[in-house]
Amino acid sequence: MDIERQTNRFLTANRRLRNILRTHGVANDRILEQKISDAGPYDQRIDPHILTGARHSMVDAGQITAVTRDGIPWFHLASADPAVVAERLDTLSKLHKQTNKAEFSNRLGQVLQ
């Protein structure tokens, strides 16, 4: 892959990360990957290894803030309203804990079989 194409994909990853976090407020890496690597317009899907690199660089640059809750890293824009971040993080982390319980994941697996 040539340098120009890599740079364009990296810039697209930065733009998509900002857009998703602006829309959703808070997201973990799995949510970001689902929305950016697996979904969206075909020409704007970003491979996970590029997405991870872009996210790390944005965290290092202070554009995105990482918060760990219950061992899970969650991300939000550094410029986001703290009240919105706190409310959204509380909601999503509770939901994440519930869906990771064995009762839920085992039943979901049975349904999918």
Protein backbone atom coordinates (compact mmCIF):
# COMPACT_ATOMS: atom_id res chain seq x y z
CA MET A 1 0.00 0.00 0.00
CA ASP A 2 1.45 3.36 -0.94
CA ILE A 3 2.07 6.12 1.59
CA GLU A 4 -0.55 8.48 0.12
CA ARG A 5 -3.30 5.85 0.36
CA GLN A 6 -2.26 4.99 3.94
CA THR A 7 -2.35 8.68 4.86
CA ASN A 8 -5.80 9.09 3.30
CA ARG A 9 -7.13 6.05 5.20
CA PHE A 10 -5.59 7.40 8.43
CA LEU A 11 -7.26 10.79 7.88
CA THR A 12 -10.56 9.07 7.12
CA ALA A 13 -10.18 7.06 10.35
CA ASN A 14 -9.64 10.28 12.33
CA ARG A 15 -12.71 11.87 10.76
CA ARG A 16 -14.88 8.81 11.36
CA LEU A 17 -13.72 8.53 15.00
CA ARG A 18 -14.63 12.18 15.64
CA ASN A 19 -18.03 11.76 13.94
CA ILE A 20 -18.95 8.57 15.80
CA LEU A 21 -17.87 9.96 19.17
CA ARG A 22 -19.67 13.25 18.49
CA THR A 23 -22.86 11.33 17.69
CA HIS A 24 -22.67 8.66 20.41
CA GLY A 25 -20.81 10.56 23.11
CA VAL A 26 -18.94 7.53 24.45
CA ALA A 27 -17.89 4.25 22.85
CA ASN A 28 -15.57 1.34 23.56
CA ASP A 29 -13.18 -0.10 21.00
CA ARG A 30 -15.62 -2.82 19.97
CA ILE A 31 -18.37 -0.29 19.23
CA LEU A 32 -15.96 1.89 17.27
CA GLU A 33 -14.74 -1.05 15.21
CA GLN A 34 -18.30 -2.19 14.46
CA LYS A 35 -19.34 1.28 13.34
CA ILE A 36 -16.19 2.16 11.39
CA SER A 37 -14.66 -1.10 10.15
CA ASP A 38 -17.79 -3.21 9.65
CA ALA A 39 -20.47 -0.63 8.80
CA GLY A 40 -20.95 2.65 7.06
CA PRO A 41 -20.28 3.63 3.47
CA TYR A 42 -18.06 1.10 1.74
CA ASP A 43 -15.37 3.63 0.78
CA GLN A 44 -15.20 4.89 4.38
CA ARG A 45 -14.67 1.56 6.12
CA ILE A 46 -11.32 1.49 7.85
CA ASP A 47 -9.31 -1.66 8.60
CA PRO A 48 -9.02 -2.30 12.34
CA HIS A 49 -5.22 -1.93 12.41
CA ILE A 50 -5.47 1.56 10.88
CA LEU A 51 -8.38 2.48 13.15
CA THR A 52 -6.44 1.43 16.25
CA GLY A 53 -3.41 3.47 15.19
CA ALA A 54 -5.57 6.52 14.51
CA ARG A 55 -7.31 6.17 17.87
CA HIS A 56 -3.99 5.87 19.71
CA SER A 57 -2.61 8.95 17.96
CA MET A 58 -5.75 10.95 18.79
CA VAL A 59 -5.50 9.90 22.45
CA ASP A 60 -1.81 10.86 22.48
CA ALA A 61 -2.68 14.23 20.90
CA GLY A 62 -5.36 14.88 23.53
CA GLN A 63 -8.24 14.90 21.02
CA ILE A 64 -9.82 11.75 22.48
CA THR A 65 -9.92 10.84 26.16
CA ALA A 66 -9.78 7.24 27.36
CA VAL A 67 -11.59 6.28 30.57
CA THR A 68 -11.47 2.79 32.07
CA ARG A 69 -14.65 1.54 33.74
CA ASP A 70 -14.83 -2.02 35.09
CA GLY A 71 -11.69 -2.94 33.18
CA ILE A 72 -13.07 -1.74 29.82
CA PRO A 73 -11.56 1.30 28.06
CA TRP A 74 -14.17 3.79 26.89
CA PHE A 75 -13.44 6.75 24.63
CA HIS A 76 -14.95 10.21 24.19
CA LEU A 77 -13.93 13.45 22.57
CA ALA A 78 -11.84 15.58 24.91
CA SER A 79 -14.11 18.52 24.09
CA ALA A 80 -17.31 16.63 25.03
CA ASP A 81 -19.60 17.93 27.76
CA PRO A 82 -18.57 16.15 30.99
CA ALA A 83 -22.20 15.75 32.10
CA VAL A 84 -23.14 14.03 28.83
CA VAL A 85 -20.05 11.81 29.03
CA ALA A 86 -20.80 10.80 32.64
CA GLU A 87 -24.44 9.97 31.87
CA ARG A 88 -23.63 8.04 28.69
CA LEU A 89 -20.72 6.18 30.30
CA ASP A 90 -22.90 5.16 33.22
CA THR A 91 -25.62 3.85 30.89
CA LEU A 92 -23.28 2.02 28.51
CA SER A 93 -21.09 0.46 31.19
CA LYS A 94 -24.15 -0.91 33.03
CA LEU A 95 -25.48 -2.33 29.76
CA HIS A 96 -22.09 -3.83 28.94
CA LYS A 97 -21.94 -5.53 32.36
CA GLN A 98 -25.42 -6.99 31.90
CA THR A 99 -24.73 -8.38 28.42
CA ASN A 100 -21.48 -9.97 29.58
CA LYS A 101 -23.20 -12.01 32.28
CA ALA A 102 -23.24 -15.75 31.60
CA GLU A 103 -27.04 -15.98 31.77
CA PHE A 104 -27.39 -13.56 28.87
CA SER A 105 -24.52 -14.75 26.69
CA ASN A 106 -25.45 -18.43 27.14
CA ARG A 107 -29.08 -17.78 26.19
CA LEU A 108 -28.07 -15.67 23.25
CA GLY A 109 -25.76 -18.44 22.07
CA GLN A 110 -28.56 -20.98 22.37
CA VAL A 111 -30.90 -18.80 20.34
CA LEU A 112 -28.28 -18.32 17.63
CA GLN A 113 -27.74 -22.07 17.31
